């Protein structure tokens, strides 16, 4: 399906999408704060600048947008224009994500990825479900957790 706006307008629109303080990230922050968890934001001192850093639990949380990180869910669809550009960009993001997780684990940090599809859209989980999973993980000792939308069994 062809794009309904000019390439210049589309480029300006895509460039305007921010990577910080997204709606899903704000929801995770609000829910964690209401349970008494305290964190710092966008830790520049750690690989990948995690969205949330919880030093007390030696944990970091990434709130991943399904499009930008190429998640295999209903919220991701490779654009029909400039397909090779987008394929390369998203694959680069995936590779960087994997390197970042490895580096964080090697430095002793526990890593949680929560996907946008777990928070919004037709496969979203109930807030109580995903926040419970996060809280249990933070209080536990597992080094990794990934929370996905319902099509994936919840995590």
C-alpha atoms as a PDB file:
ATOM      1  CA  UNK A   1       0.000   0.000   0.000  1.00  0.00           C
ATOM      2  CA  UNK A   2       1.523   3.340  -1.016  1.00  0.00           C
ATOM      3  CA  UNK A   3       2.156   5.998   1.572  1.00  0.00           C
ATOM      4  CA  UNK A   4      -0.499   8.724   1.845  1.00  0.00           C
ATOM      5  CA  UNK A   5       1.998  11.498   2.620  1.00  0.00           C
ATOM      6  CA  UNK A   6       5.070  12.738   0.762  1.00  0.00           C
ATOM      7  CA  UNK A   7       8.485  11.278   1.593  1.00  0.00           C
ATOM      8  CA  UNK A   8       9.536  14.593   3.162  1.00  0.00           C
ATOM      9  CA  UNK A   9       6.485  14.658   5.443  1.00  0.00           C
ATOM     10  CA  UNK A  10       6.949  10.987   6.387  1.00  0.00           C
ATOM     11  CA  UNK A  11      10.628  11.613   7.185  1.00  0.00           C
ATOM     12  CA  UNK A  12       9.718  14.576   9.393  1.00  0.00           C
ATOM     13  CA  UNK A  13       7.023  12.511  11.144  1.00  0.00           C
ATOM     14  CA  UNK A  14       9.354   9.576  11.839  1.00  0.00           C
ATOM     15  CA  UNK A  15      12.155  11.883  13.031  1.00  0.00           C
ATOM     16  CA  UNK A  16       9.750  13.479  15.497  1.00  0.00           C
ATOM     17  CA  UNK A  17       9.048  10.241  17.340  1.00  0.00           C
ATOM     18  CA  UNK A  18      10.909  10.361  20.623  1.00  0.00           C
ATOM     19  CA  UNK A  19      12.585   7.457  22.359  1.00  0.00           C
ATOM     20  CA  UNK A  20      12.088   8.695  25.914  1.00  0.00           C
ATOM     21  CA  UNK A  21       8.995   9.201  28.035  1.00  0.00           C
ATOM     22  CA  UNK A  22       6.702   7.240  25.719  1.00  0.00           C
ATOM     23  CA  UNK A  23       3.188   6.402  26.897  1.00  0.00           C
ATOM     24  CA  UNK A  24       4.093   2.754  27.630  1.00  0.00           C
ATOM     25  CA  UNK A  25       7.203   3.857  29.553  1.00  0.00           C
ATOM     26  CA  UNK A  26       5.162   6.356  31.601  1.00  0.00           C
ATOM     27  CA  UNK A  27       2.631   3.620  32.428  1.00  0.00           C
ATOM     28  CA  UNK A  28       5.383   1.292  33.676  1.00  0.00           C
ATOM     29  CA  UNK A  29       6.950   4.083  35.733  1.00  0.00           C
ATOM     30  CA  UNK A  30       3.642   5.093  37.308  1.00  0.00           C
ATOM     31  CA  UNK A  31       2.741   1.485  38.169  1.00  0.00           C
ATOM     32  CA  UNK A  32       6.154   0.754  39.701  1.00  0.00           C
ATOM     33  CA  UNK A  33       6.152   3.982  41.696  1.00  0.00           C
ATOM     34  CA  UNK A  34       2.685   3.218  43.084  1.00  0.00           C
ATOM     35  CA  UNK A  35       4.067  -0.076  44.445  1.00  0.00           C
ATOM     36  CA  UNK A  36       6.910   1.743  46.193  1.00  0.00           C
ATOM     37  CA  UNK A  37       9.710   0.976  43.720  1.00  0.00           C
ATOM     38  CA  UNK A  38      12.176   3.810  43.181  1.00  0.00           C
ATOM     39  CA  UNK A  39      14.316   4.170  40.107  1.00  0.00           C
ATOM     40  CA  UNK A  40      16.382   6.547  38.026  1.00  0.00           C
ATOM     41  CA  UNK A  41      15.655   7.283  34.396  1.00  0.00           C
ATOM     42  CA  UNK A  42      17.661   6.752  31.203  1.00  0.00           C
ATOM     43  CA  UNK A  43      20.891   5.774  32.919  1.00  0.00           C
ATOM     44  CA  UNK A  44      23.666   7.319  30.849  1.00  0.00           C
ATOM     45  CA  UNK A  45      26.285   5.420  32.855  1.00  0.00           C
ATOM     46  CA  UNK A  46      25.054   2.018  31.590  1.00  0.00           C
ATOM     47  CA  UNK A  47      25.163   0.397  28.155  1.00  0.00           C
ATOM     48  CA  UNK A  48      22.006   1.123  26.166  1.00  0.00           C
ATOM     49  CA  UNK A  49      20.807   3.840  28.582  1.00  0.00           C
ATOM     50  CA  UNK A  50      18.072   1.683  30.140  1.00  0.00           C
ATOM     51  CA  UNK A  51      14.675   3.342  30.566  1.00  0.00           C
ATOM     52  CA  UNK A  52      14.652   2.488  34.277  1.00  0.00           C
ATOM     53  CA  UNK A  53      17.544   1.688  36.601  1.00  0.00           C
ATOM     54  CA  UNK A  54      16.786   0.119  39.983  1.00  0.00           C
ATOM     55  CA  UNK A  55      20.141  -0.116  41.805  1.00  0.00           C
ATOM     56  CA  UNK A  56      18.582  -1.592  44.964  1.00  0.00           C
ATOM     57  CA  UNK A  57      17.576  -4.639  42.892  1.00  0.00           C
ATOM     58  CA  UNK A  58      20.600  -4.527  40.569  1.00  0.00           C
ATOM     59  CA  UNK A  59      18.089  -4.360  37.724  1.00  0.00           C
ATOM     60  CA  UNK A  60      17.324  -2.361  34.608  1.00  0.00           C
ATOM     61  CA  UNK A  61      14.136  -2.218  32.572  1.00  0.00           C
ATOM     62  CA  UNK A  62      13.711  -1.488  28.889  1.00  0.00           C
ATOM     63  CA  UNK A  63      10.236  -0.571  27.604  1.00  0.00           C
ATOM     64  CA  UNK A  64      10.551  -1.558  23.947  1.00  0.00           C
ATOM     65  CA  UNK A  65       8.456  -0.191  21.111  1.00  0.00           C
ATOM     66  CA  UNK A  66       7.438  -3.088  18.907  1.00  0.00           C
ATOM     67  CA  UNK A  67       8.061  -1.216  15.642  1.00  0.00           C
ATOM     68  CA  UNK A  68      11.498   0.192  16.455  1.00  0.00           C
ATOM     69  CA  UNK A  69      12.811  -3.088  17.865  1.00  0.00           C
ATOM     70  CA  UNK A  70      11.236  -5.353  15.216  1.00  0.00           C
ATOM     71  CA  UNK A  71       9.065  -7.370  17.571  1.00  0.00           C
ATOM     72  CA  UNK A  72       7.165 -10.287  16.044  1.00  0.00           C
ATOM     73  CA  UNK A  73       3.658  -9.098  16.971  1.00  0.00           C
ATOM     74  CA  UNK A  74       0.647  -7.324  15.532  1.00  0.00           C
ATOM     75  CA  UNK A  75       2.152  -3.882  16.250  1.00  0.00           C
ATOM     76  CA  UNK A  76       5.089  -4.432  13.878  1.00  0.00           C
ATOM     77  CA  UNK A  77       4.835  -4.235  10.131  1.00  0.00           C
ATOM     78  CA  UNK A  78       7.777  -3.513   7.870  1.00  0.00           C
ATOM     79  CA  UNK A  79       6.947  -0.362   5.882  1.00  0.00           C
ATOM     80  CA  UNK A  80       6.098  -0.813   2.219  1.00  0.00           C
ATOM     81  CA  UNK A  81       8.343   2.048   1.126  1.00  0.00           C
ATOM     82  CA  UNK A  82      12.125   2.117   1.595  1.00  0.00           C
ATOM     83  CA  UNK A  83      11.853  -1.482   2.754  1.00  0.00           C
ATOM     84  CA  UNK A  84      15.578  -2.209   2.640  1.00  0.00           C
ATOM     85  CA  UNK A  85      16.383   0.911   4.664  1.00  0.00           C
ATOM     86  CA  UNK A  86      13.885  -0.072   7.366  1.00  0.00           C
ATOM     87  CA  UNK A  87      14.935  -3.731   7.362  1.00  0.00           C
ATOM     88  CA  UNK A  88      18.580  -2.716   7.899  1.00  0.00           C
ATOM     89  CA  UNK A  89      17.691  -0.124  10.555  1.00  0.00           C
ATOM     90  CA  UNK A  90      15.505  -2.486  12.561  1.00  0.00           C
ATOM     91  CA  UNK A  91      17.983  -5.354  12.274  1.00  0.00           C
ATOM     92  CA  UNK A  92      20.691  -2.967  13.514  1.00  0.00           C
ATOM     93  CA  UNK A  93      18.484  -2.094  16.480  1.00  0.00           C
ATOM     94  CA  UNK A  94      17.992  -5.796  17.255  1.00  0.00           C
ATOM     95  CA  UNK A  95      21.726  -6.478  17.125  1.00  0.00           C
ATOM     96  CA  UNK A  96      22.463  -3.472  19.350  1.00  0.00           C
ATOM     97  CA  UNK A  97      19.798  -4.652  21.824  1.00  0.00           C
ATOM     98  CA  UNK A  98      21.462  -8.073  22.041  1.00  0.00           C
ATOM     99  CA  UNK A  99      24.916  -6.530  22.604  1.00  0.00           C
ATOM    100  CA  UNK A 100      23.467  -4.211  25.250  1.00  0.00           C
ATOM    101  CA  UNK A 101      21.805  -7.071  27.161  1.00  0.00           C
ATOM    102  CA  UNK A 102      25.037  -9.059  27.115  1.00  0.00           C
ATOM    103  CA  UNK A 103      27.100  -6.082  28.304  1.00  0.00           C
ATOM    104  CA  UNK A 104      24.665  -5.345  31.130  1.00  0.00           C
ATOM    105  CA  UNK A 105      24.644  -9.000  32.237  1.00  0.00           C
ATOM    106  CA  UNK A 106      28.448  -9.055  32.108  1.00  0.00           C
ATOM    107  CA  UNK A 107      28.486  -6.030  34.440  1.00  0.00           C
ATOM    108  CA  UNK A 108      26.184  -7.819  36.887  1.00  0.00           C
ATOM    109  CA  UNK A 109      22.896  -6.136  35.956  1.00  0.00           C
ATOM    110  CA  UNK A 110      19.627  -8.030  35.652  1.00  0.00           C
ATOM    111  CA  UNK A 111      17.647  -7.084  32.519  1.00  0.00           C
ATOM    112  CA  UNK A 112      13.899  -6.932  31.914  1.00  0.00           C
ATOM    113  CA  UNK A 113      12.339  -6.147  28.539  1.00  0.00           C
ATOM    114  CA  UNK A 114       8.666  -5.261  28.471  1.00  0.00           C
ATOM    115  CA  UNK A 115       7.197  -4.954  25.000  1.00  0.00           C
ATOM    116  CA  UNK A 116       4.702  -2.345  23.921  1.00  0.00           C
ATOM    117  CA  UNK A 117       2.246  -5.118  22.907  1.00  0.00           C
ATOM    118  CA  UNK A 118       2.070  -6.232  26.561  1.00  0.00           C
ATOM    119  CA  UNK A 119       0.840  -2.762  27.527  1.00  0.00           C
ATOM    120  CA  UNK A 120      -1.348  -1.699  24.608  1.00  0.00           C
ATOM    121  CA  UNK A 121      -3.174  -3.164  21.643  1.00  0.00           C
ATOM    122  CA  UNK A 122      -5.219  -6.286  21.134  1.00  0.00           C
ATOM    123  CA  UNK A 123      -2.700  -8.564  22.871  1.00  0.00           C
ATOM    124  CA  UNK A 124      -2.144  -6.360  25.923  1.00  0.00           C
ATOM    125  CA  UNK A 125      -2.110  -7.839  29.391  1.00  0.00           C
ATOM    126  CA  UNK A 126      -4.037  -6.422  32.318  1.00  0.00           C
ATOM    127  CA  UNK A 127      -1.960  -3.816  34.162  1.00  0.00           C
ATOM    128  CA  UNK A 128      -2.172  -5.929  37.310  1.00  0.00           C
ATOM    129  CA  UNK A 129      -0.668  -8.886  35.423  1.00  0.00           C
ATOM    130  CA  UNK A 130       2.364  -7.180  33.919  1.00  0.00           C
ATOM    131  CA  UNK A 131       3.127  -5.121  37.014  1.00  0.00           C
ATOM    132  CA  UNK A 132       2.911  -8.272  39.173  1.00  0.00           C
ATOM    133  CA  UNK A 133       5.382 -10.012  36.837  1.00  0.00           C
ATOM    134  CA  UNK A 134       7.771  -7.059  37.093  1.00  0.00           C
ATOM    135  CA  UNK A 135       7.493  -6.831  40.900  1.00  0.00           C
ATOM    136  CA  UNK A 136       8.063 -10.581  41.331  1.00  0.00           C
ATOM    137  CA  UNK A 137      11.065 -10.462  39.024  1.00  0.00           C
ATOM    138  CA  UNK A 138      12.563  -7.469  40.831  1.00  0.00           C
ATOM    139  CA  UNK A 139      12.275  -9.238  44.188  1.00  0.00           C
ATOM    140  CA  UNK A 140      13.599 -12.510  42.772  1.00  0.00           C
ATOM    141  CA  UNK A 141      17.002 -13.490  41.464  1.00  0.00           C
ATOM    142  CA  UNK A 142      16.420 -14.303  37.769  1.00  0.00           C
ATOM    143  CA  UNK A 143      18.810 -12.408  35.530  1.00  0.00           C
ATOM    144  CA  UNK A 144      16.377 -11.965  32.597  1.00  0.00           C
ATOM    145  CA  UNK A 145      12.686 -11.474  31.963  1.00  0.00           C
ATOM    146  CA  UNK A 146      10.791 -10.621  28.821  1.00  0.00           C
ATOM    147  CA  UNK A 147       7.127  -9.626  29.023  1.00  0.00           C
ATOM    148  CA  UNK A 148       5.170  -9.866  25.778  1.00  0.00           C
ATOM    149  CA  UNK A 149       1.536  -9.536  24.799  1.00  0.00           C
ATOM    150  CA  UNK A 150      -0.986 -12.348  25.262  1.00  0.00           C
ATOM    151  CA  UNK A 151      -0.219 -14.023  21.929  1.00  0.00           C
ATOM    152  CA  UNK A 152       2.953 -15.251  23.610  1.00  0.00           C
ATOM    153  CA  UNK A 153       1.504 -16.606  26.805  1.00  0.00           C
ATOM    154  CA  UNK A 154       2.192 -13.405  28.715  1.00  0.00           C
ATOM    155  CA  UNK A 155       5.964 -13.641  28.954  1.00  0.00           C
END
